[in-house]
N, C-alpha and C. Protein backbone atom coordinates (compact mmCIF):
# COMPACT_ATOMS: atom_id res chain seq x y z
N MET A 1 -6.80 -20.64 1.94
CA MET A 1 -8.08 -22.08 1.43
C MET A 1 -8.64 -22.10 2.78
N ASP A 2 -9.94 -21.80 3.37
CA ASP A 2 -10.71 -21.64 4.68
C ASP A 2 -11.70 -23.53 4.60
N LEU A 3 -10.91 -24.51 4.45
CA LEU A 3 -11.97 -24.85 4.97
C LEU A 3 -11.95 -26.06 6.33
N VAL A 4 -13.42 -26.12 6.08
CA VAL A 4 -13.07 -27.19 8.13
C VAL A 4 -13.80 -28.64 7.13
N LEU A 5 -13.10 -29.51 7.95
CA LEU A 5 -13.89 -31.21 8.54
C LEU A 5 -13.91 -31.18 9.65
N THR A 6 -15.45 -32.03 8.96
CA THR A 6 -16.02 -32.53 10.63
C THR A 6 -15.59 -34.26 10.22
N GLN A 7 -14.92 -34.46 11.73
CA GLN A 7 -14.76 -36.29 12.00
C GLN A 7 -16.66 -37.02 11.96
N GLY A 8 -16.54 -37.57 10.99
CA GLY A 8 -17.22 -38.67 11.06
C GLY A 8 -19.08 -38.65 9.51
N LEU A 9 -17.96 -37.69 8.99
CA LEU A 9 -19.68 -36.75 7.69
C LEU A 9 -18.54 -36.93 6.52
N ALA A 10 -19.00 -37.56 5.30
CA ALA A 10 -18.09 -37.92 4.36
C ALA A 10 -18.20 -36.92 4.17
N ALA A 11 -17.36 -36.36 2.88
CA ALA A 11 -16.56 -34.70 2.15
C ALA A 11 -16.00 -34.90 0.83
N GLU A 12 -16.42 -34.74 -0.14
CA GLU A 12 -16.24 -34.93 -1.35
C GLU A 12 -15.08 -33.75 -1.78
N LEU A 13 -13.72 -33.63 -1.94
CA LEU A 13 -13.19 -32.68 -2.30
C LEU A 13 -12.66 -32.50 -3.55
N GLY A 14 -13.23 -31.31 -4.51
CA GLY A 14 -12.39 -31.04 -5.64
C GLY A 14 -11.34 -29.53 -5.02
N PHE A 15 -10.92 -29.42 -6.09
CA PHE A 15 -9.66 -28.47 -6.20
C PHE A 15 -9.25 -28.71 -7.45
N LYS A 16 -8.97 -27.29 -8.38
CA LYS A 16 -8.80 -26.62 -9.20
C LYS A 16 -7.36 -25.66 -9.29
N LEU A 17 -6.29 -25.80 -9.27
CA LEU A 17 -5.24 -25.59 -9.41
C LEU A 17 -5.04 -24.31 -10.06
N GLN A 18 -4.50 -22.79 -9.86
CA GLN A 18 -5.02 -22.23 -11.93
C GLN A 18 -3.80 -21.17 -11.37
N ASN A 19 -2.99 -20.97 -12.05
CA ASN A 19 -2.17 -19.70 -12.44
C ASN A 19 -2.60 -17.75 -13.24
N TYR A 20 -2.54 -17.22 -13.01
CA TYR A 20 -3.32 -16.34 -13.13
C TYR A 20 -1.83 -16.05 -14.47
N ASN A 21 -2.69 -15.65 -15.93
CA ASN A 21 -2.10 -15.00 -17.16
C ASN A 21 -2.46 -13.15 -17.06
N TYR A 22 -1.04 -12.51 -16.51
CA TYR A 22 -1.53 -11.53 -16.82
C TYR A 22 -1.06 -10.88 -17.96
N ALA A 23 -0.69 -10.88 -18.68
CA ALA A 23 -0.88 -10.83 -20.33
C ALA A 23 -1.78 -11.49 -21.30
N ARG A 24 -2.99 -12.45 -20.56
CA ARG A 24 -4.50 -12.37 -20.94
C ARG A 24 -5.04 -12.71 -20.32
N GLY A 25 -4.93 -12.27 -18.94
CA GLY A 25 -5.92 -11.27 -17.81
C GLY A 25 -6.88 -12.18 -18.09
N CYS A 26 -6.56 -13.70 -17.29
CA CYS A 26 -7.61 -14.32 -17.30
C CYS A 26 -6.66 -15.96 -16.19
N PRO A 27 -6.67 -16.10 -15.62
CA PRO A 27 -6.67 -17.93 -14.94
C PRO A 27 -6.80 -18.99 -15.87
N GLU A 28 -5.31 -19.37 -15.96
CA GLU A 28 -5.40 -20.45 -16.45
C GLU A 28 -4.50 -22.30 -15.35
N PRO A 29 -5.56 -23.04 -16.17
CA PRO A 29 -5.37 -24.49 -15.23
C PRO A 29 -3.58 -24.31 -15.04
N VAL A 30 -3.45 -25.53 -14.38
CA VAL A 30 -1.67 -25.83 -13.51
C VAL A 30 -2.11 -27.35 -14.29
N ASP A 31 -0.85 -27.29 -15.25
CA ASP A 31 -0.75 -29.28 -15.42
C ASP A 31 -0.58 -29.74 -14.50
N LEU A 32 -0.43 -30.82 -13.57
CA LEU A 32 -0.07 -32.00 -12.45
C LEU A 32 0.18 -32.87 -13.09
N THR A 33 0.48 -33.33 -14.50
CA THR A 33 0.45 -34.99 -14.63
C THR A 33 2.02 -34.80 -14.26
N GLY A 34 2.41 -36.00 -13.66
CA GLY A 34 3.44 -37.05 -12.84
C GLY A 34 3.62 -36.29 -11.72
N SER A 35 2.94 -34.73 -11.18
CA SER A 35 3.12 -34.81 -9.80
C SER A 35 2.56 -35.75 -7.99
N ASN A 36 3.40 -35.57 -7.46
CA ASN A 36 2.75 -36.33 -6.26
C ASN A 36 2.12 -35.07 -4.84
N ILE A 37 1.35 -34.80 -5.17
CA ILE A 37 0.19 -34.07 -4.11
C ILE A 37 0.03 -34.76 -2.92
N THR A 38 0.15 -34.60 -1.76
CA THR A 38 -0.79 -34.66 -0.88
C THR A 38 -1.22 -33.66 -0.16
N PHE A 39 -2.17 -34.03 0.63
CA PHE A 39 -3.31 -33.50 1.35
C PHE A 39 -2.66 -33.65 3.29
N THR A 40 -2.87 -32.92 3.95
CA THR A 40 -2.75 -32.95 5.46
C THR A 40 -3.73 -32.58 6.01
N ALA A 41 -5.11 -32.73 6.33
CA ALA A 41 -5.53 -32.15 7.67
C ALA A 41 -5.27 -31.70 9.06
N TYR A 42 -5.84 -31.15 9.89
CA TYR A 42 -4.99 -30.81 11.45
C TYR A 42 -5.89 -30.60 12.79
N ASP A 43 -6.11 -31.14 13.54
CA ASP A 43 -6.89 -30.30 14.30
C ASP A 43 -5.69 -29.14 15.36
N ALA A 44 -6.91 -28.04 14.66
CA ALA A 44 -6.07 -26.31 15.37
C ALA A 44 -6.43 -26.37 16.24
N ARG A 45 -6.86 -27.41 17.18
CA ARG A 45 -7.24 -27.10 18.50
C ARG A 45 -5.44 -27.89 19.71
N SER A 46 -5.44 -28.44 18.53
CA SER A 46 -4.09 -28.95 18.92
C SER A 46 -2.76 -28.38 18.24
N MET A 47 -2.81 -27.35 17.97
CA MET A 47 -2.01 -26.97 17.76
C MET A 47 -1.19 -25.66 19.02
N ASN A 48 -0.21 -25.51 18.42
CA ASN A 48 0.92 -25.26 19.58
C ASN A 48 0.79 -23.50 18.64
N ILE A 49 0.60 -22.93 19.55
CA ILE A 49 -0.07 -20.82 18.44
C ILE A 49 0.59 -20.08 20.16
N GLU A 50 1.36 -19.45 19.47
CA GLU A 50 2.61 -19.16 21.03
C GLU A 50 2.48 -16.89 20.96
N ALA A 51 1.71 -16.55 21.77
CA ALA A 51 1.71 -14.90 21.42
C ALA A 51 3.16 -14.68 21.39
N GLY A 52 4.37 -13.63 20.76
CA GLY A 52 5.19 -14.10 21.35
C GLY A 52 5.91 -11.95 21.33
N MET A 53 6.89 -11.60 21.85
CA MET A 53 7.57 -10.38 21.83
C MET A 53 8.62 -10.61 21.84
N GLN A 54 9.68 -9.29 21.23
CA GLN A 54 10.85 -9.07 21.05
C GLN A 54 11.30 -7.93 21.75
N VAL A 55 12.66 -7.46 22.36
CA VAL A 55 12.57 -6.74 22.67
C VAL A 55 14.76 -6.25 22.83
N THR A 56 14.50 -5.03 22.48
CA THR A 56 15.74 -4.86 22.07
C THR A 56 16.46 -3.66 22.45
N THR A 57 16.97 -3.96 23.83
CA THR A 57 17.70 -2.48 24.70
C THR A 57 18.44 -1.67 24.40
N ALA A 58 18.57 -0.63 24.87
CA ALA A 58 19.98 0.26 24.21
C ALA A 58 21.17 0.18 24.26
N GLU A 59 21.52 -1.18 25.18
CA GLU A 59 22.36 -1.34 24.73
C GLU A 59 22.83 -2.26 23.62
N GLY A 60 21.14 -2.09 22.68
CA GLY A 60 22.20 -3.63 21.62
C GLY A 60 21.13 -4.97 22.11
N LYS A 61 21.60 -5.89 23.19
CA LYS A 61 21.24 -7.00 23.98
C LYS A 61 19.24 -7.15 23.42
N LYS A 62 19.30 -8.89 22.74
CA LYS A 62 18.23 -8.69 22.30
C LYS A 62 17.35 -10.04 23.61
N TYR A 63 16.40 -10.04 23.99
CA TYR A 63 15.87 -10.38 24.61
C TYR A 63 13.89 -10.91 23.37
N ALA A 64 13.52 -12.98 24.49
CA ALA A 64 12.22 -12.36 23.16
C ALA A 64 11.51 -13.71 24.65
N GLY A 65 10.19 -13.43 24.34
CA GLY A 65 9.41 -14.66 25.04
C GLY A 65 8.18 -14.76 24.14
N GLY A 66 7.09 -15.60 25.02
CA GLY A 66 5.96 -15.42 24.14
C GLY A 66 5.24 -16.31 25.45
N VAL A 67 3.69 -16.32 24.90
CA VAL A 67 3.02 -17.55 25.64
C VAL A 67 2.39 -17.84 24.98
N GLU A 68 1.52 -19.50 25.74
CA GLU A 68 1.32 -20.18 24.17
C GLU A 68 -0.72 -19.75 23.99
N LEU A 69 -1.78 -20.02 23.53
CA LEU A 69 -2.61 -19.40 23.94
C LEU A 69 -3.91 -20.39 24.15
N ASP A 70 -4.64 -20.32 25.32
CA ASP A 70 -4.87 -21.40 25.15
C ASP A 70 -6.37 -22.02 24.87
N ALA A 71 -7.33 -22.92 24.83
CA ALA A 71 -8.96 -23.21 23.81
C ALA A 71 -9.28 -22.19 23.68
N ASP A 72 -9.91 -21.48 24.17
CA ASP A 72 -10.27 -20.19 23.43
C ASP A 72 -9.68 -19.34 22.89
N GLU A 73 -8.62 -18.90 23.25
CA GLU A 73 -7.79 -17.72 22.46
C GLU A 73 -7.72 -19.07 21.03
N LYS A 74 -7.50 -19.96 20.86
CA LYS A 74 -7.87 -20.72 19.45
C LYS A 74 -8.02 -20.49 18.73
N GLY A 75 -9.27 -20.23 19.16
CA GLY A 75 -10.52 -19.99 18.90
C GLY A 75 -10.87 -18.91 17.77
N GLU A 76 -10.45 -17.75 18.67
CA GLU A 76 -11.07 -16.82 18.01
C GLU A 76 -9.79 -15.85 17.66
N PHE A 77 -8.19 -16.51 17.46
CA PHE A 77 -7.46 -16.84 16.96
C PHE A 77 -7.62 -17.15 15.17
N PHE A 78 -8.22 -18.25 15.43
CA PHE A 78 -8.80 -18.67 14.34
C PHE A 78 -10.33 -18.07 13.25
N LEU A 79 -10.23 -17.38 13.24
CA LEU A 79 -11.88 -16.52 13.26
C LEU A 79 -11.62 -14.80 12.33
N LEU A 80 -10.14 -15.07 12.81
CA LEU A 80 -9.65 -14.01 12.43
C LEU A 80 -9.07 -13.05 10.67
N LYS A 81 -8.80 -12.51 11.41
CA LYS A 81 -9.05 -12.17 8.94
C LYS A 81 -7.90 -11.06 9.28
N GLY A 82 -6.69 -12.12 8.00
CA GLY A 82 -5.26 -10.67 7.75
C GLY A 82 -4.92 -10.79 9.19
N LYS A 83 -3.69 -10.33 8.16
CA LYS A 83 -2.15 -10.13 9.54
C LYS A 83 -1.91 -9.06 10.45
N ALA A 84 -2.83 -7.93 10.04
CA ALA A 84 -2.84 -6.68 11.10
C ALA A 84 -3.81 -7.45 12.68
N GLU A 85 -5.23 -8.07 12.34
CA GLU A 85 -6.32 -8.52 13.69
C GLU A 85 -5.75 -9.80 14.33
N GLN A 86 -4.71 -10.33 12.69
CA GLN A 86 -4.04 -11.01 14.44
C GLN A 86 -2.62 -11.24 15.10
N GLN A 87 -2.67 -9.29 14.60
CA GLN A 87 -1.13 -8.57 15.55
C GLN A 87 -1.93 -8.83 16.53
N ALA A 88 -2.83 -7.43 16.52
CA ALA A 88 -3.74 -6.99 17.28
C ALA A 88 -4.16 -7.74 18.20
N PHE A 89 -4.79 -8.89 18.14
CA PHE A 89 -5.55 -9.82 18.72
C PHE A 89 -3.66 -10.79 19.80
N MET A 90 -2.31 -10.42 19.01
CA MET A 90 -1.67 -11.82 19.99
C MET A 90 -1.21 -10.63 21.32
N ASN A 91 -1.41 -8.84 21.35
CA ASN A 91 -0.11 -7.80 21.90
C ASN A 91 -1.82 -8.27 22.98
N LYS A 92 -3.14 -8.21 23.03
CA LYS A 92 -3.99 -7.98 23.42
C LYS A 92 -3.72 -9.40 24.57
N VAL A 93 -3.30 -10.51 23.84
CA VAL A 93 -3.30 -11.71 24.80
C VAL A 93 -1.88 -11.59 24.88
N ILE A 94 -1.70 -10.93 24.87
CA ILE A 94 0.23 -10.86 26.51
C ILE A 94 -0.39 -10.23 27.02
N LYS A 95 -1.13 -9.06 26.78
CA LYS A 95 -1.37 -7.48 27.51
C LYS A 95 -1.74 -8.41 28.52
N ARG A 96 -3.22 -9.63 28.85
CA ARG A 96 -4.02 -9.79 28.91
C ARG A 96 -3.17 -11.14 30.17
N ARG A 97 -1.97 -11.07 29.66
CA ARG A 97 -1.25 -11.53 30.75
C ARG A 97 -0.85 -11.79 32.08
N GLY A 98 -0.93 -9.89 31.72
CA GLY A 98 -0.41 -8.97 33.16
C GLY A 98 1.20 -8.94 32.94
N GLU A 99 1.79 -10.39 32.56
CA GLU A 99 3.51 -10.00 32.46
C GLU A 99 3.37 -11.11 31.49
N LEU A 100 5.22 -11.25 31.18
CA LEU A 100 6.29 -11.67 30.04
C LEU A 100 7.44 -11.95 30.56
N THR A 101 7.49 -13.12 30.60
CA THR A 101 9.31 -13.11 30.59
C THR A 101 9.96 -13.55 29.47
N LEU A 102 10.80 -12.59 29.43
CA LEU A 102 12.10 -12.21 27.68
C LEU A 102 13.30 -13.07 28.90
N HIS A 103 13.58 -14.26 27.59
CA HIS A 103 15.02 -14.07 27.87
C HIS A 103 15.67 -13.72 26.52
N ARG A 104 17.17 -13.81 26.93
CA ARG A 104 17.99 -12.93 26.46
C ARG A 104 18.72 -14.43 25.36
N HIS A 105 18.68 -13.65 23.86
CA HIS A 105 19.06 -14.14 23.30
C HIS A 105 19.86 -13.82 22.59
N PRO A 106 21.64 -14.19 22.04
CA PRO A 106 21.73 -15.15 23.12
C PRO A 106 22.30 -15.15 24.62
N PRO A 107 21.97 -16.58 25.03
CA PRO A 107 21.54 -16.11 27.24
C PRO A 107 23.47 -15.71 27.15
N ASP A 108 23.13 -14.72 28.49
CA ASP A 108 24.49 -14.20 28.36
C ASP A 108 25.04 -14.68 29.98
N PRO A 109 26.56 -15.29 29.72
CA PRO A 109 26.22 -16.30 30.76
C PRO A 109 27.26 -15.73 32.07
N THR A 110 27.42 -14.25 31.35
CA THR A 110 27.89 -13.03 33.13
C THR A 110 26.79 -12.32 33.48
N GLY A 111 25.91 -12.05 32.85
CA GLY A 111 24.47 -11.85 33.62
C GLY A 111 23.72 -12.25 33.78
N ALA A 112 22.29 -10.86 33.67
CA ALA A 112 21.14 -11.41 33.43
C ALA A 112 20.59 -11.77 32.67
N ASP A 113 19.89 -12.54 32.21
CA ASP A 113 19.67 -13.35 31.05
C ASP A 113 18.33 -13.58 30.58
N PHE A 114 17.16 -12.85 31.70
CA PHE A 114 16.26 -12.91 31.41
C PHE A 114 15.52 -11.40 31.77
N LEU A 115 14.13 -10.81 31.65
CA LEU A 115 13.51 -9.57 31.80
C LEU A 115 12.45 -9.96 32.04
N ILE A 116 11.98 -9.32 32.84
CA ILE A 116 10.55 -10.15 33.17
C ILE A 116 8.77 -8.51 32.76
N VAL A 117 8.90 -8.37 32.12
CA VAL A 117 7.85 -6.79 31.31
C VAL A 117 6.02 -7.33 32.14
N LYS A 118 5.83 -6.13 32.95
CA LYS A 118 4.86 -6.39 32.85
C LYS A 118 3.82 -5.38 32.09
N PHE A 119 2.61 -5.61 32.68
CA PHE A 119 1.88 -4.59 31.60
C PHE A 119 0.59 -3.60 32.32
N LYS A 120 0.33 -2.96 32.84
CA LYS A 120 -0.93 -2.38 33.15
C LYS A 120 -2.37 -3.04 32.51
N GLN A 121 -3.99 -3.24 33.46
CA GLN A 121 -4.54 -3.85 33.01
C GLN A 121 -5.47 -2.56 32.99
N ALA A 122 -5.67 -2.91 31.88
CA ALA A 122 -6.65 -1.89 31.12
C ALA A 122 -7.97 -0.90 32.19
N GLU A 123 -7.88 0.06 32.02
CA GLU A 123 -9.22 0.82 33.05
C GLU A 123 -10.58 0.92 32.88
């Protein structure tokens, strides 16, 4: 559901929950009698959204890390359609930073527990 509410403006919302009946080839209403329904609204600008990366070395060691999107990047992110666009955008965000620190999972008490990955800037 793509919904935007503006603080201070009245809104009257109506939703119709339906299940698709493949045998009949049409949607049918869902009976919500006795159900407890809640609705949550949030400010997308205050959400923590992270572009992440995971690497497994030839020895099988796993490293992961990420960077939090800034306000402008969050605005762009919420306009994307589909997982493919989101993944491409996250990759672009990580590369734009120039480098990313990845931490070992689980941490290695006997050796290095992080890697620094550097990205070449597009020319």
